Amino acid sequence: MPEPPADPEPTPAPEPTPAPVPAPTAPPEPQPQSQSQPGPTRRLPRAVGVGLSVAGLLAVTAASAAVTVAVGRPDRPAHPAAAAAPPSAGPGSSAGPSPSASPTPTPPPAPSPTPTPTVAPRPSSTLQGSVSGGKHSGDLRYFLLPVPDDADPYGSPDGAMMSMDDLQARYSKSVDLKGILDSWGFKDAATRTYRTRDGKTEVRTDLRRFGRTDRAQGFADNTSFDRSSFAIDGVPNAKGYVFKPEQQAYTGELVGIGVVGDVVYEVTVEVQGDPDKALLSDAMKRARDHLADG
């Protein structure tokens, strides 16, 4: 029997060309100052996604030995300067011994007391408002979260009313914010921001008043951010959100949303590093009590 023909020798496959190895990328140079994180994305009623731009974030001053937080200087008078130390003897002054045989030592001068820094008293507000049956009447700024004694407000101590342009400026231009608010019976809004004098915490309160209590509740229920909410200790009918920074030198943020009668209140707390939820709980309690009692 004839033998089957031998199989032809397989053609060797070409050797694979190794993929070029990317050159190592140098790590980014450290920034001289901290950069604020992108603002949280807010979800408004009607499922409209809105980008929230965060203004006035805390910045880190890296030049100091210990990292400090600076947010700009609130409007308050400067501290009085301490008494200057007595000047030292100049090169032309006579420092030789007294020609007297037995010189009498001169007693050192008594130290001058250093004045204690003082802050001018905050003027009393003339705003008026009242609450009855969940309805808030009078100037909405009256119901803003009071500024603690160890803090100073930005701008007017009374806060400021917000126009529709002011409100729209915090959101994407593509969103018809006026149409959304009008559909919920929106009436007016007010805001105030303060910073503690140790420079560690900044708190902003935003109030939105509606024509009916059920509309205010509905607006608050349907407003959220792009992450899971948490219950705020000691503050029923409210929800909170936490935004941790990528680095501890950056600004962390807490946002709380609640409603009292016909007013939706939103409190934002900004600190360096991971924020403590207790800070938001304290501010939300004070904001709620002030709205409830007037």
Protein backbone atom coordinates (compact mmCIF):
# COMPACT_ATOMS: atom_id res chain seq x y z
CA MET A 1 0.00 0.00 0.00
CA PRO A 2 1.34 3.46 -0.80
CA GLU A 3 2.17 5.53 2.20
CA PRO A 4 0.21 8.76 2.71
CA PRO A 5 2.18 11.81 1.71
CA ALA A 6 4.00 13.49 4.54
CA ASP A 7 2.37 16.59 5.96
CA PRO A 8 4.07 19.77 4.82
CA GLU A 9 6.11 21.46 7.44
CA PRO A 10 4.05 24.19 9.16
CA THR A 11 5.05 27.69 8.33
CA PRO A 12 6.29 29.33 11.52
CA ALA A 13 3.99 32.09 12.73
CA PRO A 14 5.57 35.51 12.85
CA GLU A 15 6.67 36.50 16.28
CA PRO A 16 4.27 39.01 17.88
CA THR A 17 5.56 42.51 18.01
CA PRO A 18 5.60 43.64 21.63
CA ALA A 19 3.32 46.60 22.37
CA PRO A 20 5.20 49.78 23.12
CA VAL A 21 5.56 50.36 26.81
CA PRO A 22 4.26 53.81 27.74
CA ALA A 23 6.75 56.07 29.35
CA PRO A 24 6.16 56.47 33.08
CA THR A 25 4.13 59.50 33.85
CA ALA A 26 5.53 61.84 36.47
CA PRO A 27 3.25 62.35 39.44
CA PRO A 28 1.42 65.67 39.41
CA GLU A 29 3.19 68.50 41.13
CA PRO A 30 1.67 69.42 44.46
CA GLN A 31 -0.50 72.49 44.34
CA PRO A 32 0.46 75.40 46.59
CA GLN A 33 -3.13 75.68 47.78
CA SER A 34 -5.96 73.22 48.09
CA GLN A 35 -8.47 72.90 45.30
CA SER A 36 -12.15 72.62 46.13
CA GLN A 37 -13.95 69.51 45.00
CA PRO A 38 -16.53 69.62 42.22
CA GLY A 39 -19.85 70.72 43.59
CA PRO A 40 -22.48 68.12 44.41
CA THR A 41 -25.19 67.51 41.85
CA ARG A 42 -28.64 68.42 43.08
CA ARG A 43 -31.81 66.67 41.98
CA LEU A 44 -34.78 68.97 41.98
CA PRO A 45 -38.47 68.09 41.61
CA ARG A 46 -39.47 66.88 38.15
CA ALA A 47 -36.27 64.82 38.10
CA VAL A 48 -34.20 67.65 36.69
CA GLY A 49 -30.47 67.13 37.23
CA VAL A 50 -28.83 70.39 38.21
CA GLY A 51 -25.15 71.12 38.79
CA LEU A 52 -24.59 73.03 42.02
CA SER A 53 -21.63 75.38 41.98
CA VAL A 54 -20.15 75.81 45.44
CA ALA A 55 -18.86 79.30 46.15
CA GLY A 56 -16.68 80.46 49.03
CA LEU A 57 -15.07 77.08 49.78
CA LEU A 58 -12.40 76.94 52.41
CA ALA A 59 -8.85 77.17 51.11
CA VAL A 60 -5.74 75.79 52.74
CA THR A 61 -2.80 78.07 53.46
CA ALA A 62 0.20 75.81 53.02
CA ALA A 63 2.75 78.45 53.96
CA SER A 64 2.07 78.20 57.68
CA ALA A 65 3.73 75.59 59.86
CA ALA A 66 0.38 74.04 60.75
CA VAL A 67 -2.21 73.91 57.99
CA THR A 68 -4.75 76.64 58.53
CA VAL A 69 -8.05 77.35 56.86
CA ALA A 70 -8.79 80.69 55.27
CA VAL A 71 -11.98 81.80 53.59
CA GLY A 72 -11.47 85.53 53.24
CA ARG A 73 -12.00 88.10 55.93
CA PRO A 74 -15.50 88.83 57.17
CA ASP A 75 -16.50 92.44 57.59
CA ARG A 76 -15.31 93.21 61.09
CA PRO A 77 -12.94 95.81 62.58
CA ALA A 78 -9.28 94.95 62.85
CA HIS A 79 -7.86 93.99 66.23
CA PRO A 80 -5.86 96.73 67.99
CA ALA A 81 -2.12 96.32 67.72
CA ALA A 82 -0.19 95.22 70.77
CA ALA A 83 2.09 97.72 72.50
CA ALA A 84 5.46 97.93 70.82
CA ALA A 85 8.51 96.70 72.69
CA PRO A 86 10.99 99.40 73.79
CA PRO A 87 13.66 99.93 71.11
CA SER A 88 17.13 98.56 71.71
CA ALA A 89 20.13 100.88 72.05
CA GLY A 90 21.43 102.03 68.69
CA PRO A 91 25.08 101.97 67.61
CA GLY A 92 25.44 105.70 68.31
CA SER A 93 24.05 105.62 71.80
CA SER A 94 26.28 105.90 74.87
CA ALA A 95 26.43 102.54 76.59
CA GLY A 96 29.52 103.16 78.80
CA PRO A 97 29.50 103.02 82.63
CA SER A 98 28.50 106.03 84.68
CA PRO A 99 31.44 108.21 85.81
CA SER A 100 30.14 107.92 89.36
CA ALA A 101 32.26 105.71 91.58
CA SER A 102 29.28 103.75 92.82
CA PRO A 103 26.62 103.77 90.11
CA THR A 104 23.07 103.12 91.17
CA PRO A 105 21.42 100.35 89.08
CA THR A 106 18.35 101.50 87.22
CA PRO A 107 15.31 99.26 87.81
CA PRO A 108 13.90 97.68 84.65
CA PRO A 109 10.80 99.39 83.29
CA ALA A 110 7.51 97.82 84.24
CA PRO A 111 6.08 95.77 81.33
CA SER A 112 3.22 97.45 79.52
CA PRO A 113 0.02 95.41 79.61
CA THR A 114 -0.91 93.92 76.23
CA PRO A 115 -4.40 95.02 75.24
CA THR A 116 -6.91 92.23 74.73
CA PRO A 117 -8.24 92.02 71.16
CA THR A 118 -11.85 93.07 71.03
CA VAL A 119 -14.59 92.84 68.43
CA ALA A 120 -17.10 95.61 67.97
CA PRO A 121 -20.56 94.57 69.21
CA ARG A 122 -22.86 93.40 66.46
CA PRO A 123 -25.64 95.91 65.86
CA SER A 124 -29.08 94.73 66.87
CA SER A 125 -31.32 93.79 63.98
CA THR A 126 -34.49 95.71 63.18
CA LEU A 127 -36.03 92.91 61.12
CA GLN A 128 -39.42 91.61 62.19
CA GLY A 129 -41.22 88.35 61.59
CA SER A 130 -43.70 85.97 63.17
CA VAL A 131 -44.91 82.41 62.70
CA SER A 132 -48.38 81.03 63.33
CA GLY A 133 -49.77 77.69 62.24
CA GLY A 134 -46.69 77.00 60.15
CA LYS A 135 -47.07 80.24 58.19
CA HIS A 136 -44.11 82.63 58.33
CA SER A 137 -44.90 86.30 57.87
CA GLY A 138 -42.70 89.37 57.82
CA ASP A 139 -39.13 89.65 56.55
CA LEU A 140 -37.80 86.18 55.64
CA ARG A 141 -34.30 87.22 56.73
CA TYR A 142 -35.62 87.36 60.29
CA PHE A 143 -35.79 83.54 60.26
CA LEU A 144 -32.24 82.88 59.07
CA LEU A 145 -30.01 80.78 61.32
CA PRO A 146 -28.65 83.17 63.99
CA VAL A 147 -24.92 83.89 63.88
CA PRO A 148 -23.15 82.50 66.99
CA ASP A 149 -21.18 84.82 69.25
CA ASP A 150 -17.90 83.23 68.12
CA ALA A 151 -18.57 83.82 64.41
CA ASP A 152 -18.89 86.70 61.96
CA PRO A 153 -21.23 87.00 58.97
CA TYR A 154 -20.20 87.82 55.45
CA GLY A 155 -21.73 91.02 54.16
CA SER A 156 -24.74 92.40 55.98
CA PRO A 157 -25.34 90.91 59.44
CA ASP A 158 -29.03 90.64 58.51
CA GLY A 159 -28.30 88.41 55.52
CA ALA A 160 -29.67 89.06 52.04
CA MET A 161 -32.78 88.41 50.02
CA MET A 162 -32.15 86.34 46.88
CA SER A 163 -33.46 87.34 43.47
CA MET A 164 -34.30 84.75 40.84
CA ASP A 165 -31.00 85.61 39.15
CA ASP A 166 -29.19 84.89 42.44
CA LEU A 167 -30.88 81.51 42.68
CA GLN A 168 -30.28 80.67 39.04
CA ALA A 169 -26.59 81.51 39.37
CA ARG A 170 -26.14 78.45 41.62
CA TYR A 171 -27.50 76.10 38.98
CA SER A 172 -26.90 75.16 35.39
CA LYS A 173 -28.07 77.77 32.89
CA SER A 174 -29.93 75.08 30.95
CA VAL A 175 -32.39 74.57 33.81
CA ASP A 176 -35.60 76.60 33.96
CA LEU A 177 -35.32 77.14 37.68
CA LYS A 178 -37.97 79.84 37.72
CA GLY A 179 -40.48 77.52 36.09
CA ILE A 180 -39.71 74.77 38.60
CA LEU A 181 -40.04 77.05 41.61
CA ASP A 182 -43.18 78.72 40.30
CA SER A 183 -44.82 75.34 39.85
CA TRP A 184 -44.38 74.76 43.59
CA GLY A 185 -45.80 78.14 44.61
CA PHE A 186 -42.44 79.73 45.45
CA LYS A 187 -42.60 83.19 47.05
CA ASP A 188 -39.12 84.39 48.11
CA ALA A 189 -35.69 83.31 49.36
CA ALA A 190 -33.01 84.57 51.75
CA THR A 191 -29.45 83.57 52.60
CA ARG A 192 -26.65 84.28 55.07
CA THR A 193 -23.16 82.86 55.49
CA TYR A 194 -20.92 83.09 58.54
CA ARG A 195 -17.50 81.82 59.52
CA THR A 196 -16.28 80.90 62.99
CA ARG A 197 -13.45 83.12 64.21
CA ASP A 198 -11.05 80.18 64.46
CA GLY A 199 -11.38 79.91 60.67
CA LYS A 200 -12.32 76.23 60.77
CA THR A 201 -15.99 76.22 59.84
CA GLU A 202 -18.19 78.05 57.37
CA VAL A 203 -21.99 77.75 57.54
CA ARG A 204 -24.52 78.94 54.97
CA THR A 205 -28.29 78.97 55.46
CA ASP A 206 -30.73 79.23 52.55
CA LEU A 207 -34.46 79.73 53.15
CA ARG A 208 -37.19 79.33 50.53
CA ARG A 209 -40.73 80.35 51.37
CA PHE A 210 -43.74 78.89 49.57
CA GLY A 211 -47.38 79.88 49.38
CA ARG A 212 -48.63 76.70 51.09
CA THR A 213 -47.19 74.32 53.65
CA ASP A 214 -47.92 71.24 51.54
CA ARG A 215 -46.04 72.78 48.60
CA ALA A 216 -43.02 73.44 50.81
CA GLN A 217 -43.10 69.86 52.07
CA GLY A 218 -43.39 68.51 48.54
CA PHE A 219 -40.48 70.59 47.32
CA ALA A 220 -38.30 69.39 50.22
CA ASP A 221 -39.33 65.74 49.72
CA ASN A 222 -38.44 65.86 46.03
CA THR A 223 -35.13 67.67 46.38
CA SER A 224 -32.02 65.51 46.69
CA PHE A 225 -28.37 65.19 45.76
CA ASP A 226 -26.55 62.55 43.74
CA ARG A 227 -25.90 60.21 46.66
CA SER A 228 -27.61 58.46 49.53
CA SER A 229 -29.04 60.61 52.29
CA PHE A 230 -28.80 60.02 56.03
CA ALA A 231 -31.09 60.88 58.93
CA ILE A 232 -29.95 63.87 60.96
CA ASP A 233 -29.79 63.18 64.70
CA GLY A 234 -32.37 65.16 66.65
CA VAL A 235 -33.94 66.73 63.56
CA PRO A 236 -37.04 64.89 62.32
CA ASN A 237 -38.41 65.63 58.86
CA ALA A 238 -34.92 66.36 57.53
CA LYS A 239 -32.22 64.60 55.52
CA GLY A 240 -28.51 65.11 55.19
CA TYR A 241 -25.78 64.50 52.64
CA VAL A 242 -22.04 64.23 53.14
CA PHE A 243 -19.36 65.03 50.56
CA LYS A 244 -15.92 63.87 51.64
CA PRO A 245 -12.87 65.41 49.95
CA GLU A 246 -10.37 63.35 48.03
CA GLN A 247 -7.61 64.65 50.28
CA GLN A 248 -7.67 65.88 53.85
CA ALA A 249 -6.27 69.23 52.75
CA TYR A 250 -9.39 69.81 50.67
CA THR A 251 -12.81 71.02 51.74
CA GLY A 252 -15.45 68.59 52.97
CA GLU A 253 -19.10 69.51 52.91
CA LEU A 254 -22.34 68.60 54.67
CA VAL A 255 -25.77 69.63 53.37
CA GLY A 256 -29.03 69.32 55.28
CA ILE A 257 -32.56 69.89 53.94
CA GLY A 258 -35.59 70.31 56.18
CA VAL A 259 -38.97 72.02 56.23
CA VAL A 260 -40.91 73.94 58.87
CA GLY A 261 -44.39 74.97 57.78
CA ASP A 262 -44.18 76.93 54.53
CA VAL A 263 -40.36 77.35 54.60
CA VAL A 264 -37.75 74.93 53.27
CA TYR A 265 -34.40 75.45 54.99
CA GLU A 266 -31.07 74.22 53.69
CA VAL A 267 -27.90 74.34 55.79
CA THR A 268 -24.44 73.84 54.29
CA VAL A 269 -21.41 73.26 56.54
CA GLU A 270 -17.90 73.36 55.07
CA VAL A 271 -14.75 72.28 56.90
CA GLN A 272 -11.29 71.07 56.05
CA GLY A 273 -11.05 67.29 55.66
CA ASP A 274 -13.76 64.74 56.42
CA PRO A 275 -16.74 66.59 57.92
CA ASP A 276 -18.29 65.52 61.22
CA LYS A 277 -22.04 64.93 60.93
CA ALA A 278 -22.49 66.40 64.42
CA LEU A 279 -21.68 69.84 62.99
CA LEU A 280 -24.64 69.59 60.63
CA SER A 281 -26.90 68.22 63.35
CA ASP A 282 -26.19 71.19 65.62
CA ALA A 283 -26.76 73.77 62.88
CA MET A 284 -29.95 72.08 61.66
CA LYS A 285 -31.38 71.97 65.18
CA ARG A 286 -30.79 75.68 65.67
CA ALA A 287 -32.23 76.51 62.25
CA ARG A 288 -35.36 74.42 62.89
CA ASP A 289 -35.96 75.87 66.37
CA HIS A 290 -35.64 79.43 65.09
CA LEU A 291 -38.10 78.76 62.26
CA ALA A 292 -40.55 77.06 64.63
CA ASP A 293 -40.47 79.69 67.39
CA GLY A 294 -39.62 82.86 65.48
